[in-house]
Amino acid sequence: MNDREIFWIKELNAIDRKIGYNICEDEKTFRTMMGDNNPMFGKHLSEEAKEKIREKRKLQKMSDEEKQRLSNLWKTDKNPGKNKSPETIEKISKNRKGKCVGGDHPMFGKTHSEEIKKHWSEIRKGRNVGSTNPDATRYYIEDPNGKELIFETRKAVIEHIGCSLGFFGAKKYKNFKLIKKEKINR
């Protein structure tokens, strides 16, 4: 900031949100308040302060118009994460090839401890039962010869064609195609 800018910020009281838009006094700007220059650097909020912020955020409701505007925005081609051009997809694919596979994968040659496996098992107990069970789906698969195969569970599909869970997102694996799937009411 230059001297004239500092003068006018003080003169016009531009740091008052009702009058101006400046949020920093004097020579302080968001650029100069980064890292150890930031007053909160190295400090942590207390659980009480976090709870107060959490409660205030709950009260900040987005208007229906704003929700609709954002919804419409993210459905357009302006959503960079969802709508990638074929060139971008190809670029990402080329960049990822050979990475994080085999010896480069962080879990290569390692296994999870029995303790963590048991922990995950406990967390999952009671989930994925009834209609929320992902295996409560009938899968229609076309084999390489064009014959339609029907499976009652995801596990049966995986065992039969030797694919991974990625098959259900990609819908294709070694000339096997996922034609459709339907929920089963058990």
N, C-alpha and C. Protein backbone atom coordinates (compact mmCIF):
# COMPACT_ATOMS: atom_id res chain seq x y z
N MET A 1 0.84 -1.18 0.00
CA MET A 1 0.00 0.00 0.00
C MET A 1 0.88 1.24 0.00
N ASN A 2 0.41 2.26 -0.70
CA ASN A 2 1.20 3.49 -0.67
C ASN A 2 0.64 4.45 0.39
N ASP A 3 1.39 5.52 0.64
CA ASP A 3 1.02 6.47 1.70
C ASP A 3 -0.34 7.11 1.48
N ARG A 4 -0.66 7.43 0.23
CA ARG A 4 -1.95 8.08 -0.06
C ARG A 4 -3.10 7.12 0.25
N GLU A 5 -2.92 5.88 -0.11
CA GLU A 5 -3.97 4.89 0.14
C GLU A 5 -4.20 4.74 1.65
N ILE A 6 -3.13 4.64 2.40
CA ILE A 6 -3.22 4.54 3.86
C ILE A 6 -3.92 5.77 4.43
N PHE A 7 -3.55 6.96 3.91
CA PHE A 7 -4.17 8.21 4.36
C PHE A 7 -5.69 8.16 4.14
N TRP A 8 -6.12 7.78 2.94
CA TRP A 8 -7.56 7.80 2.63
C TRP A 8 -8.33 6.71 3.38
N ILE A 9 -7.69 5.59 3.63
CA ILE A 9 -8.35 4.54 4.43
C ILE A 9 -8.67 5.08 5.81
N LYS A 10 -7.67 5.78 6.41
CA LYS A 10 -7.88 6.36 7.74
C LYS A 10 -8.87 7.53 7.68
N GLU A 11 -8.70 8.38 6.68
CA GLU A 11 -9.53 9.58 6.56
C GLU A 11 -11.01 9.24 6.39
N LEU A 12 -11.28 8.23 5.56
CA LEU A 12 -12.66 7.86 5.25
C LEU A 12 -13.19 6.72 6.13
N ASN A 13 -12.37 6.28 7.06
CA ASN A 13 -12.74 5.16 7.93
C ASN A 13 -13.19 3.95 7.08
N ALA A 14 -12.41 3.64 6.05
CA ALA A 14 -12.78 2.62 5.07
C ALA A 14 -12.70 1.19 5.60
N ILE A 15 -12.18 1.04 6.82
CA ILE A 15 -12.17 -0.33 7.37
C ILE A 15 -13.49 -0.65 8.07
N ASP A 16 -14.33 0.36 8.25
CA ASP A 16 -15.68 0.12 8.79
C ASP A 16 -16.50 -0.50 7.68
N ARG A 17 -16.99 -1.73 7.88
CA ARG A 17 -17.69 -2.48 6.83
C ARG A 17 -18.96 -1.76 6.34
N LYS A 18 -19.52 -0.85 7.14
CA LYS A 18 -20.71 -0.11 6.71
C LYS A 18 -20.35 1.01 5.75
N ILE A 19 -19.08 1.43 5.78
CA ILE A 19 -18.65 2.57 4.97
C ILE A 19 -17.78 2.12 3.80
N GLY A 20 -16.76 1.30 4.10
CA GLY A 20 -15.80 0.91 3.07
C GLY A 20 -15.68 -0.59 2.94
N TYR A 21 -14.70 -0.99 2.17
CA TYR A 21 -14.51 -2.42 1.94
C TYR A 21 -13.14 -2.92 2.38
N ASN A 22 -12.28 -2.03 2.88
CA ASN A 22 -10.96 -2.45 3.34
C ASN A 22 -11.09 -3.25 4.63
N ILE A 23 -10.36 -4.36 4.69
CA ILE A 23 -10.43 -5.16 5.91
C ILE A 23 -9.14 -5.08 6.72
N CYS A 24 -8.12 -4.44 6.18
CA CYS A 24 -6.84 -4.34 6.88
C CYS A 24 -6.50 -2.86 7.13
N GLU A 25 -5.99 -2.61 8.32
CA GLU A 25 -5.56 -1.25 8.66
C GLU A 25 -4.12 -1.04 8.19
N ASP A 26 -3.76 0.20 8.01
CA ASP A 26 -2.40 0.62 7.71
C ASP A 26 -1.80 -0.18 6.56
N GLU A 27 -0.57 -0.67 6.78
CA GLU A 27 0.13 -1.39 5.70
C GLU A 27 -0.23 -2.86 5.66
N LYS A 28 -1.09 -3.29 6.54
CA LYS A 28 -1.44 -4.71 6.59
C LYS A 28 -2.39 -5.03 5.45
N THR A 29 -2.04 -6.04 4.67
CA THR A 29 -2.93 -6.54 3.61
C THR A 29 -2.97 -8.05 3.76
N PHE A 30 -3.86 -8.67 2.99
CA PHE A 30 -3.93 -10.13 3.10
C PHE A 30 -2.60 -10.77 2.69
N ARG A 31 -1.82 -10.10 1.83
CA ARG A 31 -0.53 -10.65 1.40
C ARG A 31 0.50 -10.58 2.52
N THR A 32 0.46 -9.51 3.31
CA THR A 32 1.45 -9.35 4.37
C THR A 32 1.05 -10.09 5.63
N MET A 33 -0.17 -10.63 5.67
CA MET A 33 -0.63 -11.32 6.87
C MET A 33 -0.61 -12.84 6.70
N MET A 34 0.23 -13.30 5.78
CA MET A 34 0.33 -14.73 5.56
C MET A 34 1.43 -15.32 6.43
N GLY A 35 1.32 -16.63 6.70
CA GLY A 35 2.37 -17.31 7.46
C GLY A 35 2.51 -16.78 8.86
N ASP A 36 3.76 -16.62 9.30
CA ASP A 36 3.99 -16.18 10.68
C ASP A 36 3.65 -14.72 10.91
N ASN A 37 3.29 -13.96 9.89
CA ASN A 37 2.81 -12.58 10.06
C ASN A 37 1.33 -12.55 10.47
N ASN A 38 0.66 -13.66 10.28
CA ASN A 38 -0.76 -13.71 10.62
C ASN A 38 -0.91 -13.82 12.13
N PRO A 39 -1.79 -13.02 12.73
CA PRO A 39 -1.94 -13.07 14.19
C PRO A 39 -2.39 -14.44 14.72
N MET A 40 -3.01 -15.27 13.87
CA MET A 40 -3.45 -16.59 14.31
C MET A 40 -2.42 -17.68 14.01
N PHE A 41 -1.27 -17.30 13.43
CA PHE A 41 -0.26 -18.29 13.06
C PHE A 41 0.21 -19.08 14.28
N GLY A 42 0.15 -20.40 14.21
CA GLY A 42 0.60 -21.25 15.30
C GLY A 42 -0.38 -21.39 16.44
N LYS A 43 -1.51 -20.69 16.35
CA LYS A 43 -2.51 -20.75 17.42
C LYS A 43 -3.66 -21.63 16.96
N HIS A 44 -4.40 -22.14 17.91
CA HIS A 44 -5.55 -22.99 17.59
C HIS A 44 -6.77 -22.49 18.34
N LEU A 45 -7.91 -22.62 17.71
CA LEU A 45 -9.15 -22.23 18.37
C LEU A 45 -9.51 -23.24 19.45
N SER A 46 -10.08 -22.77 20.52
CA SER A 46 -10.54 -23.67 21.57
C SER A 46 -11.78 -24.39 21.07
N GLU A 47 -12.11 -25.50 21.69
CA GLU A 47 -13.31 -26.25 21.30
C GLU A 47 -14.55 -25.38 21.46
N GLU A 48 -14.55 -24.53 22.50
CA GLU A 48 -15.68 -23.63 22.74
C GLU A 48 -15.84 -22.64 21.58
N ALA A 49 -14.71 -22.07 21.12
CA ALA A 49 -14.75 -21.12 20.01
C ALA A 49 -15.22 -21.82 18.73
N LYS A 50 -14.72 -23.04 18.50
CA LYS A 50 -15.14 -23.80 17.32
C LYS A 50 -16.64 -24.05 17.35
N GLU A 51 -17.15 -24.38 18.53
CA GLU A 51 -18.59 -24.66 18.67
C GLU A 51 -19.41 -23.40 18.39
N LYS A 52 -18.93 -22.24 18.87
CA LYS A 52 -19.63 -20.98 18.60
C LYS A 52 -19.70 -20.71 17.10
N ILE A 53 -18.57 -20.91 16.42
CA ILE A 53 -18.53 -20.71 14.97
C ILE A 53 -19.48 -21.68 14.28
N ARG A 54 -19.46 -22.93 14.72
CA ARG A 54 -20.33 -23.97 14.15
C ARG A 54 -21.80 -23.58 14.28
N GLU A 55 -22.17 -23.09 15.48
CA GLU A 55 -23.56 -22.70 15.72
C GLU A 55 -23.96 -21.50 14.86
N LYS A 56 -23.05 -20.53 14.71
CA LYS A 56 -23.34 -19.37 13.87
C LYS A 56 -23.52 -19.79 12.42
N ARG A 57 -22.68 -20.71 11.96
CA ARG A 57 -22.76 -21.16 10.57
C ARG A 57 -24.09 -21.86 10.30
N LYS A 58 -24.61 -22.56 11.30
CA LYS A 58 -25.89 -23.26 11.14
C LYS A 58 -27.02 -22.26 10.87
N LEU A 59 -26.88 -21.06 11.45
CA LEU A 59 -27.91 -20.04 11.29
C LEU A 59 -27.83 -19.34 9.94
N GLN A 60 -26.69 -19.45 9.27
CA GLN A 60 -26.52 -18.80 7.98
C GLN A 60 -27.12 -19.67 6.89
N LYS A 61 -28.35 -19.42 6.57
CA LYS A 61 -29.05 -20.21 5.57
C LYS A 61 -28.93 -19.54 4.21
N MET A 62 -28.77 -20.36 3.20
CA MET A 62 -28.70 -19.86 1.84
C MET A 62 -30.12 -19.73 1.31
N SER A 63 -30.40 -18.63 0.64
CA SER A 63 -31.75 -18.44 0.10
C SER A 63 -32.00 -19.45 -1.02
N ASP A 64 -33.26 -19.71 -1.30
CA ASP A 64 -33.62 -20.66 -2.35
C ASP A 64 -33.10 -20.18 -3.71
N GLU A 65 -33.13 -18.85 -3.91
CA GLU A 65 -32.63 -18.29 -5.18
C GLU A 65 -31.15 -18.57 -5.34
N GLU A 66 -30.39 -18.39 -4.24
CA GLU A 66 -28.95 -18.62 -4.28
C GLU A 66 -28.66 -20.10 -4.52
N LYS A 67 -29.41 -20.97 -3.85
CA LYS A 67 -29.24 -22.42 -4.06
C LYS A 67 -29.49 -22.77 -5.53
N GLN A 68 -30.56 -22.21 -6.09
CA GLN A 68 -30.91 -22.49 -7.49
C GLN A 68 -29.84 -21.95 -8.44
N ARG A 69 -29.34 -20.74 -8.13
CA ARG A 69 -28.30 -20.15 -8.98
C ARG A 69 -27.04 -21.03 -9.00
N LEU A 70 -26.62 -21.49 -7.81
CA LEU A 70 -25.44 -22.34 -7.74
C LEU A 70 -25.69 -23.68 -8.41
N SER A 71 -26.88 -24.23 -8.21
CA SER A 71 -27.23 -25.50 -8.83
C SER A 71 -27.14 -25.39 -10.35
N ASN A 72 -27.71 -24.32 -10.88
CA ASN A 72 -27.68 -24.11 -12.34
C ASN A 72 -26.26 -23.90 -12.83
N LEU A 73 -25.46 -23.17 -12.05
CA LEU A 73 -24.08 -22.90 -12.44
C LEU A 73 -23.29 -24.20 -12.56
N TRP A 74 -23.45 -25.08 -11.57
CA TRP A 74 -22.67 -26.31 -11.57
C TRP A 74 -23.17 -27.34 -12.56
N LYS A 75 -24.36 -27.11 -13.14
CA LYS A 75 -24.87 -28.01 -14.18
C LYS A 75 -24.37 -27.60 -15.56
N THR A 76 -23.80 -26.40 -15.67
CA THR A 76 -23.33 -25.90 -16.96
C THR A 76 -21.91 -26.37 -17.21
N ASP A 77 -21.39 -25.96 -18.35
CA ASP A 77 -20.01 -26.31 -18.69
C ASP A 77 -18.99 -25.52 -17.90
N LYS A 78 -19.46 -24.66 -17.00
CA LYS A 78 -18.55 -23.89 -16.16
C LYS A 78 -18.06 -24.70 -14.96
N ASN A 79 -18.56 -25.91 -14.81
CA ASN A 79 -18.12 -26.78 -13.72
C ASN A 79 -16.86 -27.50 -14.19
N PRO A 80 -15.68 -27.04 -13.78
CA PRO A 80 -14.45 -27.63 -14.29
C PRO A 80 -14.20 -29.06 -13.82
N GLY A 81 -14.76 -29.44 -12.68
CA GLY A 81 -14.53 -30.79 -12.18
C GLY A 81 -15.41 -31.82 -12.84
N LYS A 82 -16.58 -31.40 -13.26
CA LYS A 82 -17.56 -32.35 -13.79
C LYS A 82 -17.51 -32.47 -15.30
N ASN A 83 -17.31 -31.36 -15.97
CA ASN A 83 -17.37 -31.34 -17.42
C ASN A 83 -15.99 -31.11 -18.02
N LYS A 84 -15.27 -32.20 -18.23
CA LYS A 84 -13.94 -32.09 -18.80
C LYS A 84 -14.01 -32.37 -20.30
N SER A 85 -13.22 -31.63 -21.06
CA SER A 85 -13.18 -31.86 -22.50
C SER A 85 -12.46 -33.19 -22.75
N PRO A 86 -12.72 -33.81 -23.90
CA PRO A 86 -12.01 -35.06 -24.22
C PRO A 86 -10.49 -34.88 -24.20
N GLU A 87 -10.02 -33.70 -24.60
CA GLU A 87 -8.57 -33.43 -24.59
C GLU A 87 -8.04 -33.45 -23.16
N THR A 88 -8.79 -32.84 -22.24
CA THR A 88 -8.38 -32.79 -20.85
C THR A 88 -8.37 -34.19 -20.25
N ILE A 89 -9.40 -34.98 -20.56
CA ILE A 89 -9.47 -36.36 -20.06
C ILE A 89 -8.28 -37.16 -20.56
N GLU A 90 -7.94 -37.00 -21.84
CA GLU A 90 -6.80 -37.70 -22.43
C GLU A 90 -5.50 -37.28 -21.76
N LYS A 91 -5.36 -35.99 -21.49
CA LYS A 91 -4.16 -35.44 -20.84
C LYS A 91 -4.00 -36.03 -19.44
N ILE A 92 -5.10 -36.06 -18.69
CA ILE A 92 -5.07 -36.61 -17.33
C ILE A 92 -4.72 -38.09 -17.39
N SER A 93 -5.32 -38.81 -18.34
CA SER A 93 -5.07 -40.23 -18.48
C SER A 93 -3.59 -40.50 -18.76
N LYS A 94 -3.02 -39.76 -19.72
CA LYS A 94 -1.60 -39.94 -20.05
C LYS A 94 -0.71 -39.65 -18.85
N ASN A 95 -1.06 -38.61 -18.10
CA ASN A 95 -0.27 -38.21 -16.94
C ASN A 95 -0.33 -39.26 -15.84
N ARG A 96 -1.46 -39.96 -15.68
CA ARG A 96 -1.64 -40.93 -14.59
C ARG A 96 -1.06 -42.31 -14.93
N LYS A 97 -0.88 -42.61 -16.22
CA LYS A 97 -0.42 -43.94 -16.63
C LYS A 97 0.91 -44.29 -15.96
N GLY A 98 0.97 -45.45 -15.36
CA GLY A 98 2.18 -45.92 -14.74
C GLY A 98 2.47 -45.35 -13.36
N LYS A 99 1.62 -44.45 -12.91
CA LYS A 99 1.84 -43.85 -11.59
C LYS A 99 0.98 -44.57 -10.56
N CYS A 100 1.49 -44.68 -9.39
CA CYS A 100 0.77 -45.26 -8.26
C CYS A 100 0.35 -46.71 -8.55
N VAL A 101 1.19 -47.42 -9.29
CA VAL A 101 0.94 -48.84 -9.56
C VAL A 101 2.18 -49.63 -9.17
N GLY A 102 1.97 -50.89 -8.83
CA GLY A 102 3.10 -51.72 -8.47
C GLY A 102 3.91 -51.14 -7.33
N GLY A 103 5.21 -51.09 -7.49
CA GLY A 103 6.12 -50.61 -6.45
C GLY A 103 5.94 -49.14 -6.11
N ASP A 104 5.31 -48.38 -7.01
CA ASP A 104 5.08 -46.96 -6.74
C ASP A 104 3.87 -46.72 -5.85
N HIS A 105 3.01 -47.75 -5.71
CA HIS A 105 1.80 -47.56 -4.90
C HIS A 105 2.20 -47.53 -3.42
N PRO A 106 1.63 -46.58 -2.65
CA PRO A 106 2.03 -46.47 -1.24
C PRO A 106 1.75 -47.71 -0.41
N MET A 107 0.80 -48.55 -0.83
CA MET A 107 0.49 -49.76 -0.06
C MET A 107 1.18 -51.00 -0.62
N PHE A 108 2.05 -50.83 -1.63
CA PHE A 108 2.71 -51.98 -2.26
C PHE A 108 3.52 -52.76 -1.23
N GLY A 109 3.25 -54.06 -1.14
CA GLY A 109 3.97 -54.93 -0.23
C GLY A 109 3.57 -54.80 1.23
N LYS A 110 2.54 -53.99 1.50
CA LYS A 110 2.10 -53.80 2.88
C LYS A 110 0.70 -54.39 3.04
N THR A 111 0.34 -54.67 4.26
CA THR A 111 -1.03 -55.09 4.55
C THR A 111 -1.51 -54.31 5.77
N HIS A 112 -2.81 -54.19 5.88
CA HIS A 112 -3.37 -53.52 7.04
C HIS A 112 -3.31 -54.46 8.23
N SER A 113 -3.10 -53.91 9.40
CA SER A 113 -3.01 -54.74 10.61
C SER A 113 -4.38 -55.33 10.93
N GLU A 114 -4.36 -56.42 11.66
CA GLU A 114 -5.61 -57.06 12.06
C GLU A 114 -6.44 -56.11 12.93
N GLU A 115 -5.74 -55.30 13.71
CA GLU A 115 -6.41 -54.34 14.59
C GLU A 115 -7.24 -53.34 13.77
N ILE A 116 -6.64 -52.81 12.70
CA ILE A 116 -7.36 -51.82 11.90
C ILE A 116 -8.48 -52.49 11.11
N LYS A 117 -8.25 -53.72 10.65
CA LYS A 117 -9.31 -54.44 9.93
C LYS A 117 -10.51 -54.67 10.85
N LYS A 118 -10.22 -55.03 12.10
CA LYS A 118 -11.29 -55.25 13.07
C LYS A 118 -12.03 -53.94 13.34
N HIS A 119 -11.28 -52.84 13.46
CA HIS A 119 -11.87 -51.52 13.68
C HIS A 119 -12.82 -51.16 12.54
N TRP A 120 -12.37 -51.34 11.30
CA TRP A 120 -13.22 -51.03 10.14
C TRP A 120 -14.46 -51.92 10.13
N SER A 121 -14.28 -53.17 10.51
CA SER A 121 -15.41 -54.10 10.55
C SER A 121 -16.46 -53.62 11.55
N GLU A 122 -15.99 -53.18 12.73
CA GLU A 122 -16.91 -52.69 13.76
C GLU A 122 -17.68 -51.45 13.28
N ILE A 123 -16.98 -50.57 12.59
CA ILE A 123 -17.61 -49.35 12.07
C ILE A 123 -18.71 -49.70 11.08
N ARG A 124 -18.48 -50.71 10.25
CA ARG A 124 -19.42 -51.05 9.19
C ARG A 124 -20.60 -51.90 9.67
N LYS A 125 -20.51 -52.44 10.85
CA LYS A 125 -21.59 -53.31 11.34
C LYS A 125 -22.90 -52.54 11.40
N GLY A 126 -23.95 -53.14 10.87
CA GLY A 126 -25.26 -52.52 10.88
C GLY A 126 -25.51 -51.65 9.66
N ARG A 127 -24.48 -51.35 8.90
CA ARG A 127 -24.65 -50.58 7.67
C ARG A 127 -24.90 -51.54 6.51
N ASN A 128 -25.31 -50.99 5.41
CA ASN A 128 -25.50 -51.76 4.19
C ASN A 128 -26.37 -52.98 4.40
N VAL A 129 -27.48 -52.77 5.09
CA VAL A 129 -28.43 -53.86 5.26
C VAL A 129 -29.74 -53.46 4.61
N GLY A 130 -30.45 -54.45 4.14
CA GLY A 130 -31.74 -54.17 3.52
C GLY A 130 -31.60 -53.40 2.22
N SER A 131 -32.44 -52.39 2.05
CA SER A 131 -32.47 -51.65 0.79
C SER A 131 -31.22 -50.79 0.58
N THR A 132 -30.45 -50.51 1.65
CA THR A 132 -29.23 -49.71 1.49
C THR A 132 -28.03 -50.57 1.11
N ASN A 133 -28.21 -51.88 1.11
CA ASN A 133 -27.12 -52.79 0.79
C ASN A 133 -26.78 -52.70 -0.70
N PRO A 134 -25.52 -52.33 -1.05
CA PRO A 134 -25.18 -52.24 -2.46
C PRO A 134 -25.25 -53.58 -3.16
N ASP A 135 -25.17 -54.67 -2.40
CA ASP A 135 -25.28 -55.99 -3.01
C ASP A 135 -26.72 -56.41 -3.25
N ALA A 136 -27.67 -55.61 -2.77
CA ALA A 136 -29.08 -55.93 -3.01
C ALA A 136 -29.49 -55.38 -4.38
N THR A 137 -28.67 -55.69 -5.36
CA THR A 137 -28.89 -55.20 -6.72
C THR A 137 -28.66 -56.35 -7.69
N ARG A 138 -29.49 -56.43 -8.69
CA ARG A 138 -29.33 -57.44 -9.73
C ARG A 138 -28.55 -56.78 -10.87
N TYR A 139 -27.51 -57.48 -11.35
CA TYR A 139 -26.65 -56.93 -12.40
C TYR A 139 -26.83 -57.72 -13.69
N TYR A 140 -27.01 -56.99 -14.77
CA TYR A 140 -27.12 -57.59 -16.10
C TYR A 140 -25.84 -57.26 -16.86
N ILE A 141 -25.07 -58.31 -17.18
CA ILE A 141 -23.76 -58.14 -17.81
C ILE A 141 -23.78 -58.82 -19.17
N GLU A 142 -23.17 -58.17 -20.15
CA GLU A 142 -23.02 -58.78 -21.47
C GLU A 142 -21.60 -59.32 -21.57
N ASP A 143 -21.46 -60.63 -21.87
CA ASP A 143 -20.13 -61.21 -21.98
C ASP A 143 -19.55 -60.93 -23.36
N PRO A 144 -18.27 -61.30 -23.62
CA PRO A 144 -17.65 -60.99 -24.91
C PRO A 144 -18.38 -61.60 -26.11
N ASN A 145 -19.15 -62.67 -25.88
CA ASN A 145 -19.89 -63.32 -26.98
C ASN A 145 -21.26 -62.69 -27.20
N GLY A 146 -21.61 -61.68 -26.43
CA GLY A 146 -22.91 -61.03 -26.58
C GLY A 146 -24.01 -61.66 -25.76
N LYS A 147 -23.67 -62.66 -24.94
CA LYS A 147 -24.66 -63.34 -24.11
C LYS A 147 -24.91 -62.53 -22.84
N GLU A 148 -26.18 -62.44 -22.43
CA GLU A 148 -26.53 -61.69 -21.23
C GLU A 148 -26.43 -62.59 -20.01
N LEU A 149 -25.67 -62.13 -19.02
CA LEU A 149 -25.51 -62.86 -17.76
C LEU A 149 -26.20 -62.06 -16.67
N ILE A 150 -26.86 -62.75 -15.73
CA ILE A 150 -27.55 -62.07 -14.64
C ILE A 150 -26.94 -62.54 -13.32
N PHE A 151 -26.59 -61.55 -12.47
CA PHE A 151 -25.99 -61.84 -11.18
C PHE A 151 -26.81 -61.17 -10.09
N GLU A 152 -26.94 -61.84 -8.96
CA GLU A 152 -27.72 -61.30 -7.84
C GLU A 152 -26.92 -60.40 -6.92
N THR A 153 -25.59 -60.48 -6.98
CA THR A 153 -24.76 -59.64 -6.11
C THR A 153 -23.55 -59.11 -6.87
N ARG A 154 -23.00 -58.07 -6.35
CA ARG A 154 -21.78 -57.49 -6.90
C ARG A 154 -20.63 -58.48 -6.76
N LYS A 155 -20.60 -59.17 -5.62
CA LYS A 155 -19.56 -60.14 -5.35
C LYS A 155 -19.55 -61.25 -6.41
N ALA A 156 -20.73 -61.69 -6.81
CA ALA A 156 -20.84 -62.74 -7.83
C ALA A 156 -20.27 -62.26 -9.16
N VAL A 157 -20.52 -60.99 -9.50
CA VAL A 157 -19.98 -60.42 -10.75
C VAL A 157 -18.46 -60.42 -10.68
N ILE A 158 -17.92 -59.93 -9.56
CA ILE A 158 -16.47 -59.83 -9.38
C ILE A 158 -15.82 -61.21 -9.48
N GLU A 159 -16.41 -62.21 -8.84
CA GLU A 159 -15.85 -63.56 -8.87
C GLU A 159 -15.92 -64.16 -10.27
N HIS A 160 -17.00 -63.91 -11.00
CA HIS A 160 -17.18 -64.52 -12.32
C HIS A 160 -16.24 -63.93 -13.37
N ILE A 161 -16.15 -62.60 -13.42
CA ILE A 161 -15.33 -62.01 -14.49
C ILE A 161 -13.96 -61.55 -14.03
N GLY A 162 -13.71 -61.61 -12.71
CA GLY A 162 -12.38 -61.28 -12.19
C GLY A 162 -12.05 -59.80 -12.22
N CYS A 163 -13.07 -58.96 -12.13
CA CYS A 163 -12.86 -57.51 -12.18
C CYS A 163 -12.73 -56.96 -10.77
N SER A 164 -12.50 -55.64 -10.70
CA SER A 164 -12.48 -54.95 -9.42
C SER A 164 -13.75 -54.14 -9.30
N LEU A 165 -13.90 -53.42 -8.17
CA LEU A 165 -15.08 -52.56 -7.99
C LEU A 165 -15.14 -51.45 -9.02
N GLY A 166 -14.00 -51.10 -9.60
CA GLY A 166 -13.95 -50.05 -10.62
C GLY A 166 -14.83 -50.36 -11.82
N PHE A 167 -15.07 -51.65 -12.06
CA PHE A 167 -15.92 -52.07 -13.19
C PHE A 167 -17.29 -51.44 -13.11
N PHE A 168 -17.83 -51.28 -11.91
CA PHE A 168 -19.19 -50.78 -11.76
C PHE A 168 -19.29 -49.29 -12.07
N GLY A 169 -18.17 -48.58 -12.00
CA GLY A 169 -18.16 -47.18 -12.41
C GLY A 169 -17.84 -47.04 -13.88
N ALA A 170 -16.87 -47.86 -14.37
CA ALA A 170 -16.45 -47.78 -15.77
C ALA A 170 -17.45 -48.46 -16.71
N LYS A 171 -18.18 -49.44 -16.19
CA LYS A 171 -19.20 -50.20 -16.92
C LYS A 171 -18.62 -51.05 -18.06
N LYS A 172 -17.29 -51.27 -18.04
CA LYS A 172 -16.69 -52.09 -19.07
C LYS A 172 -15.42 -52.71 -18.51
N TYR A 173 -15.18 -54.00 -18.81
CA TYR A 173 -13.97 -54.68 -18.36
C TYR A 173 -13.73 -55.88 -19.26
N LYS A 174 -12.60 -55.91 -19.93
CA LYS A 174 -12.22 -57.03 -20.81
C LYS A 174 -13.39 -57.51 -21.66
N ASN A 175 -14.01 -56.63 -22.38
CA ASN A 175 -15.14 -56.94 -23.27
C ASN A 175 -16.41 -57.37 -22.55
N PHE A 176 -16.42 -57.29 -21.23
CA PHE A 176 -17.66 -57.48 -20.47
C PHE A 176 -18.27 -56.09 -20.31
N LYS A 177 -19.57 -55.99 -20.48
CA LYS A 177 -20.24 -54.68 -20.34
C LYS A 177 -21.36 -54.79 -19.34
N LEU A 178 -21.46 -53.77 -18.50
CA LEU A 178 -22.58 -53.67 -17.56
C LEU A 178 -23.75 -53.07 -18.33
N ILE A 179 -24.78 -53.87 -18.58
CA ILE A 179 -25.93 -53.40 -19.36
C ILE A 179 -26.84 -52.56 -18.48
N LYS A 180 -27.24 -53.14 -17.35
CA LYS A 180 -28.10 -52.40 -16.42
C LYS A 180 -28.04 -53.05 -15.06
N LYS A 181 -28.55 -52.33 -14.08
CA LYS A 181 -28.67 -52.89 -12.75
C LYS A 181 -29.98 -52.44 -12.18
N GLU A 182 -30.56 -53.29 -11.34
CA GLU A 182 -31.83 -52.93 -10.72
C GLU A 182 -31.84 -53.36 -9.27
N LYS A 183 -32.51 -52.55 -8.46
CA LYS A 183 -32.61 -52.87 -7.02
C LYS A 183 -33.48 -54.09 -6.85
N ILE A 184 -33.10 -54.90 -5.86
CA ILE A 184 -33.88 -56.09 -5.54
C ILE A 184 -34.57 -55.83 -4.19
N ASN A 185 -35.84 -56.00 -4.13
CA ASN A 185 -36.57 -55.86 -2.85
C ASN A 185 -36.57 -57.23 -2.18
N ARG A 186 -35.72 -57.36 -1.19
CA ARG A 186 -35.62 -58.65 -0.49
C ARG A 186 -36.44 -58.61 0.77
